[in-house]
Amino acid sequence: MTISSEPGSHTAETVAQEVQQFLEQRTKQTWDPDTDLFGTGAVSSMFAMELVVHLESTFDVVITGPDLALDNFRTVNAMTTMVLRLRGAQP
């Protein structure tokens, strides 16, 4: 999937699709957008750093400070919301 760098080009749907695709490739599982990825034990806090790098490079955002909270990476929906907020896009 090609993601445009224009702020208005990201929708909740396109961001969620990209995040789910990355998770499926890395974990070999399909995830519901509201599943607590860390609560399942399938994803570790070390994997959270991979998520940070992926989200930053894919969506041209910088994730620092309070945005590095694990809760922002717990679900596909949480990551989608954070990316859209950091991009200044409307959900």
Protein backbone atom coordinates (compact mmCIF):
# COMPACT_ATOMS: atom_id res chain seq x y z
CA MET A 1 0.00 0.00 0.00
CA THR A 2 1.37 3.42 -0.89
CA ILE A 3 0.67 6.12 1.65
CA SER A 4 0.71 9.75 0.52
CA SER A 5 2.61 12.24 2.65
CA GLU A 6 -0.15 14.83 2.34
CA PRO A 7 -1.82 15.42 5.74
CA GLY A 8 -5.36 15.24 4.37
CA SER A 9 -4.69 12.00 2.47
CA HIS A 10 -4.83 9.80 5.58
CA THR A 11 -8.12 8.47 6.76
CA ALA A 12 -8.81 6.21 9.69
CA GLU A 13 -9.46 3.43 7.19
CA THR A 14 -6.17 3.77 5.27
CA VAL A 15 -4.08 4.09 8.43
CA ALA A 16 -5.79 1.11 10.07
CA GLN A 17 -5.33 -0.99 6.92
CA GLU A 18 -1.61 -0.23 6.81
CA VAL A 19 -1.15 -0.97 10.53
CA GLN A 20 -3.09 -4.23 10.25
CA GLN A 21 -1.08 -5.26 7.20
CA PHE A 22 2.19 -4.64 9.08
CA LEU A 23 0.96 -6.59 12.12
CA GLU A 24 -0.22 -9.50 9.99
CA GLN A 25 3.12 -9.68 8.18
CA ARG A 26 5.11 -9.60 11.43
CA THR A 27 2.90 -11.83 13.62
CA LYS A 28 1.32 -14.10 11.00
CA GLN A 29 -2.07 -13.40 12.60
CA THR A 30 -5.10 -11.29 11.74
CA TRP A 31 -6.07 -8.77 14.42
CA ASP A 32 -9.38 -7.15 15.29
CA PRO A 33 -8.89 -3.35 15.49
CA ASP A 34 -9.86 -3.36 19.20
CA THR A 35 -7.79 -6.37 20.32
CA ASP A 36 -5.26 -5.55 23.04
CA LEU A 37 -2.14 -6.71 21.24
CA PHE A 38 -0.03 -6.73 24.40
CA GLY A 39 -2.75 -8.27 26.56
CA THR A 40 -2.85 -11.30 24.27
CA GLY A 41 0.83 -11.97 24.88
CA ALA A 42 1.42 -12.19 21.14
CA VAL A 43 3.21 -8.84 21.03
CA SER A 44 6.01 -7.74 23.38
CA SER A 45 7.13 -4.31 24.55
CA MET A 46 10.19 -4.82 22.36
CA PHE A 47 7.86 -5.15 19.39
CA ALA A 48 6.41 -1.76 20.38
CA MET A 49 9.69 -0.20 19.27
CA GLU A 50 9.27 -1.82 15.86
CA LEU A 51 5.80 -0.33 15.73
CA VAL A 52 7.21 3.12 16.55
CA VAL A 53 9.78 2.89 13.76
CA HIS A 54 7.19 1.56 11.30
CA LEU A 55 4.62 4.25 12.08
CA GLU A 56 7.21 7.02 11.94
CA SER A 57 8.63 5.93 8.60
CA THR A 58 5.32 4.99 6.98
CA PHE A 59 3.32 8.04 8.02
CA ASP A 60 6.10 10.64 8.33
CA VAL A 61 5.41 11.37 12.01
CA VAL A 62 7.65 11.73 15.04
CA ILE A 63 6.54 9.83 18.13
CA THR A 64 8.10 11.23 21.31
CA GLY A 65 7.38 11.96 24.95
CA PRO A 66 3.85 11.17 26.08
CA ASP A 67 3.02 9.63 22.69
CA LEU A 68 5.41 6.76 23.47
CA ALA A 69 2.95 5.44 26.08
CA LEU A 70 2.20 1.76 25.55
CA ASP A 71 -1.53 2.52 25.46
CA ASN A 72 -1.01 4.30 22.11
CA PHE A 73 0.19 0.99 20.63
CA ARG A 74 -2.18 -1.40 22.40
CA THR A 75 -4.72 -1.67 19.56
CA VAL A 76 -4.90 -0.93 15.85
CA ASN A 77 -7.51 1.71 16.64
CA ALA A 78 -5.24 3.39 19.22
CA MET A 79 -2.37 3.55 16.74
CA THR A 80 -4.68 4.87 14.04
CA THR A 81 -5.96 7.64 16.32
CA MET A 82 -2.44 8.64 17.31
CA VAL A 83 -1.16 8.72 13.72
CA LEU A 84 -4.09 10.84 12.57
CA ARG A 85 -3.60 13.24 15.49
CA LEU A 86 0.14 13.55 14.80
CA ARG A 87 -0.54 14.10 11.10
CA GLY A 88 -3.16 16.73 11.85
CA ALA A 89 -5.73 14.77 9.85
CA GLN A 90 -9.41 14.50 10.59
CA PRO A 91 -10.45 11.01 11.74
